[in-house]
Amino acid sequence: VTYAVTNFIPPSGKDVISINPNTGEIHLTGALDFEEVSIYDFRIEAKDKGTPPLSGHCKVVLEVLDVND
């Protein structure tokens, strides 16, 4: 099974969120700032290597909390 991230809302999410294509682990690649974006919405797609390949997806919503206020 391989994993991919698609459909970022906002599109800037692809600059701070990545996924390991082999394990599906989601990682941050940059800092999150509540004042800039408070919610990231994206999809994870999992695809197998069968013939024909089958796929599934899920929606992930990441809410950034402002702990300084």
N, C-alpha and C. Protein backbone atom coordinates (compact mmCIF):
# COMPACT_ATOMS: atom_id res chain seq x y z
N VAL A 1 0.85 -1.17 0.00
CA VAL A 1 0.00 0.00 0.00
C VAL A 1 0.90 1.23 0.00
N THR A 2 0.55 2.23 -0.83
CA THR A 2 1.26 3.51 -0.83
C THR A 2 0.26 4.61 -0.46
N TYR A 3 0.78 5.68 0.14
CA TYR A 3 -0.05 6.77 0.64
C TYR A 3 0.36 8.08 -0.01
N ALA A 4 -0.62 8.95 -0.20
CA ALA A 4 -0.36 10.28 -0.77
C ALA A 4 -1.33 11.27 -0.14
N VAL A 5 -0.91 12.54 -0.08
CA VAL A 5 -1.75 13.62 0.43
C VAL A 5 -2.26 14.42 -0.76
N THR A 6 -3.56 14.73 -0.76
CA THR A 6 -4.14 15.51 -1.85
C THR A 6 -5.13 16.54 -1.30
N ASN A 7 -5.57 17.42 -2.16
CA ASN A 7 -6.65 18.37 -1.89
C ASN A 7 -6.44 19.22 -0.63
N PHE A 8 -5.33 19.92 -0.58
CA PHE A 8 -5.06 20.79 0.57
C PHE A 8 -5.97 22.02 0.56
N ILE A 9 -6.55 22.32 1.71
CA ILE A 9 -7.27 23.57 1.93
C ILE A 9 -6.73 24.14 3.23
N PRO A 10 -6.06 25.25 3.22
CA PRO A 10 -5.63 26.06 2.08
C PRO A 10 -4.48 25.39 1.33
N PRO A 11 -4.23 25.80 0.10
CA PRO A 11 -3.15 25.19 -0.70
C PRO A 11 -1.77 25.31 -0.06
N SER A 12 -1.57 26.27 0.83
CA SER A 12 -0.27 26.42 1.49
C SER A 12 0.03 25.25 2.42
N GLY A 13 -0.95 24.40 2.69
CA GLY A 13 -0.74 23.23 3.55
C GLY A 13 0.31 22.28 3.02
N LYS A 14 0.47 22.23 1.69
CA LYS A 14 1.47 21.32 1.13
C LYS A 14 2.90 21.73 1.47
N ASP A 15 3.07 22.97 1.96
CA ASP A 15 4.40 23.44 2.36
C ASP A 15 4.76 23.02 3.79
N VAL A 16 3.77 22.64 4.60
CA VAL A 16 4.04 22.30 6.00
C VAL A 16 3.63 20.89 6.40
N ILE A 17 2.95 20.16 5.52
CA ILE A 17 2.48 18.81 5.85
C ILE A 17 2.95 17.83 4.78
N SER A 18 3.50 16.69 5.22
CA SER A 18 3.90 15.65 4.28
C SER A 18 3.50 14.29 4.84
N ILE A 19 3.58 13.27 4.01
CA ILE A 19 3.23 11.92 4.44
C ILE A 19 4.30 10.96 3.96
N ASN A 20 4.62 9.98 4.79
CA ASN A 20 5.54 8.93 4.39
C ASN A 20 4.76 8.00 3.45
N PRO A 21 5.18 7.88 2.18
CA PRO A 21 4.39 7.08 1.22
C PRO A 21 4.33 5.59 1.55
N ASN A 22 5.24 5.10 2.37
CA ASN A 22 5.25 3.67 2.71
C ASN A 22 4.47 3.32 3.98
N THR A 23 4.49 4.24 4.97
CA THR A 23 3.84 3.94 6.25
C THR A 23 2.55 4.72 6.48
N GLY A 24 2.39 5.84 5.78
CA GLY A 24 1.22 6.68 5.98
C GLY A 24 1.35 7.65 7.14
N GLU A 25 2.53 7.74 7.76
CA GLU A 25 2.74 8.67 8.87
C GLU A 25 2.72 10.10 8.35
N ILE A 26 1.96 10.96 9.04
CA ILE A 26 1.86 12.37 8.68
C ILE A 26 2.91 13.13 9.48
N HIS A 27 3.67 14.00 8.80
CA HIS A 27 4.73 14.78 9.44
C HIS A 27 4.57 16.26 9.11
N LEU A 28 4.98 17.11 10.05
CA LEU A 28 5.06 18.54 9.79
C LEU A 28 6.44 18.84 9.23
N THR A 29 6.49 19.63 8.16
CA THR A 29 7.76 20.00 7.56
C THR A 29 8.06 21.48 7.79
N GLY A 30 7.17 22.17 8.49
CA GLY A 30 7.36 23.58 8.80
C GLY A 30 6.57 23.94 10.03
N ALA A 31 6.73 25.18 10.46
CA ALA A 31 6.05 25.65 11.66
C ALA A 31 4.60 26.02 11.34
N LEU A 32 3.71 25.77 12.30
CA LEU A 32 2.31 26.15 12.18
C LEU A 32 2.10 27.44 12.97
N ASP A 33 1.33 28.36 12.41
CA ASP A 33 1.06 29.63 13.07
C ASP A 33 -0.45 29.88 13.06
N PHE A 34 -1.04 29.92 14.24
CA PHE A 34 -2.48 30.11 14.38
C PHE A 34 -2.95 31.39 13.70
N GLU A 35 -2.16 32.45 13.78
CA GLU A 35 -2.55 33.73 13.20
C GLU A 35 -2.60 33.67 11.67
N GLU A 36 -1.82 32.79 11.05
CA GLU A 36 -1.84 32.66 9.59
C GLU A 36 -2.93 31.70 9.13
N VAL A 37 -2.94 30.48 9.66
CA VAL A 37 -3.93 29.47 9.29
C VAL A 37 -4.32 28.70 10.56
N SER A 38 -5.61 28.62 10.84
CA SER A 38 -6.03 27.92 12.06
C SER A 38 -6.53 26.51 11.77
N ILE A 39 -6.90 26.20 10.52
CA ILE A 39 -7.38 24.86 10.17
C ILE A 39 -6.82 24.45 8.82
N TYR A 40 -6.27 23.23 8.78
CA TYR A 40 -5.84 22.61 7.53
C TYR A 40 -6.76 21.44 7.26
N ASP A 41 -7.20 21.31 6.03
CA ASP A 41 -8.11 20.24 5.63
C ASP A 41 -7.49 19.56 4.41
N PHE A 42 -7.27 18.25 4.50
CA PHE A 42 -6.67 17.53 3.37
C PHE A 42 -7.13 16.09 3.35
N ARG A 43 -6.85 15.41 2.26
CA ARG A 43 -7.22 14.00 2.09
C ARG A 43 -5.97 13.13 2.03
N ILE A 44 -6.10 11.94 2.57
CA ILE A 44 -5.06 10.91 2.45
C ILE A 44 -5.63 9.83 1.54
N GLU A 45 -4.86 9.47 0.52
CA GLU A 45 -5.28 8.39 -0.38
C GLU A 45 -4.34 7.21 -0.20
N ALA A 46 -4.90 6.04 -0.01
CA ALA A 46 -4.13 4.79 0.09
C ALA A 46 -4.44 3.95 -1.13
N LYS A 47 -3.39 3.45 -1.80
CA LYS A 47 -3.57 2.66 -3.03
C LYS A 47 -2.73 1.39 -2.92
N ASP A 48 -3.34 0.25 -3.26
CA ASP A 48 -2.58 -1.00 -3.23
C ASP A 48 -1.93 -1.24 -4.59
N LYS A 49 -1.16 -2.31 -4.68
CA LYS A 49 -0.43 -2.61 -5.92
C LYS A 49 -1.01 -3.81 -6.65
N GLY A 50 -2.31 -4.00 -6.47
CA GLY A 50 -2.98 -5.12 -7.13
C GLY A 50 -3.27 -4.83 -8.58
N THR A 51 -3.87 -5.81 -9.24
CA THR A 51 -4.28 -5.66 -10.63
C THR A 51 -5.77 -5.92 -10.72
N PRO A 52 -6.60 -4.97 -10.88
CA PRO A 52 -6.31 -3.54 -10.94
C PRO A 52 -6.07 -2.98 -9.54
N PRO A 53 -5.34 -1.86 -9.43
CA PRO A 53 -5.09 -1.28 -8.10
C PRO A 53 -6.38 -0.70 -7.50
N LEU A 54 -6.56 -0.93 -6.23
CA LEU A 54 -7.71 -0.39 -5.50
C LEU A 54 -7.23 0.73 -4.60
N SER A 55 -8.11 1.69 -4.34
CA SER A 55 -7.71 2.81 -3.48
C SER A 55 -8.84 3.17 -2.53
N GLY A 56 -8.46 3.85 -1.47
CA GLY A 56 -9.40 4.38 -0.49
C GLY A 56 -8.88 5.72 -0.03
N HIS A 57 -9.73 6.50 0.59
CA HIS A 57 -9.28 7.80 1.06
C HIS A 57 -9.99 8.17 2.35
N CYS A 58 -9.40 9.13 3.06
CA CYS A 58 -10.01 9.68 4.26
C CYS A 58 -9.72 11.17 4.32
N LYS A 59 -10.53 11.87 5.05
CA LYS A 59 -10.37 13.31 5.24
C LYS A 59 -9.70 13.54 6.58
N VAL A 60 -8.71 14.44 6.62
CA VAL A 60 -8.03 14.80 7.86
C VAL A 60 -8.22 16.30 8.07
N VAL A 61 -8.63 16.69 9.27
CA VAL A 61 -8.76 18.09 9.62
C VAL A 61 -7.81 18.35 10.78
N LEU A 62 -6.86 19.26 10.56
CA LEU A 62 -5.86 19.61 11.57
C LEU A 62 -6.18 20.99 12.09
N GLU A 63 -6.55 21.09 13.37
CA GLU A 63 -6.88 22.38 13.97
C GLU A 63 -5.69 22.87 14.78
N VAL A 64 -5.24 24.09 14.48
CA VAL A 64 -4.10 24.69 15.17
C VAL A 64 -4.65 25.52 16.31
N LEU A 65 -4.18 25.25 17.53
CA LEU A 65 -4.62 25.98 18.71
C LEU A 65 -3.59 27.05 19.05
N ASP A 66 -4.06 28.20 19.46
CA ASP A 66 -3.17 29.30 19.87
C ASP A 66 -2.98 29.23 21.38
N VAL A 67 -1.92 28.56 21.81
CA VAL A 67 -1.70 28.36 23.23
C VAL A 67 -1.12 29.59 23.92
N ASN A 68 -0.67 30.59 23.17
CA ASN A 68 -0.10 31.79 23.77
C ASN A 68 -1.17 32.74 24.30
N ASP A 69 -2.38 32.66 23.76
CA ASP A 69 -3.44 33.56 24.21
C ASP A 69 -4.21 32.90 25.31
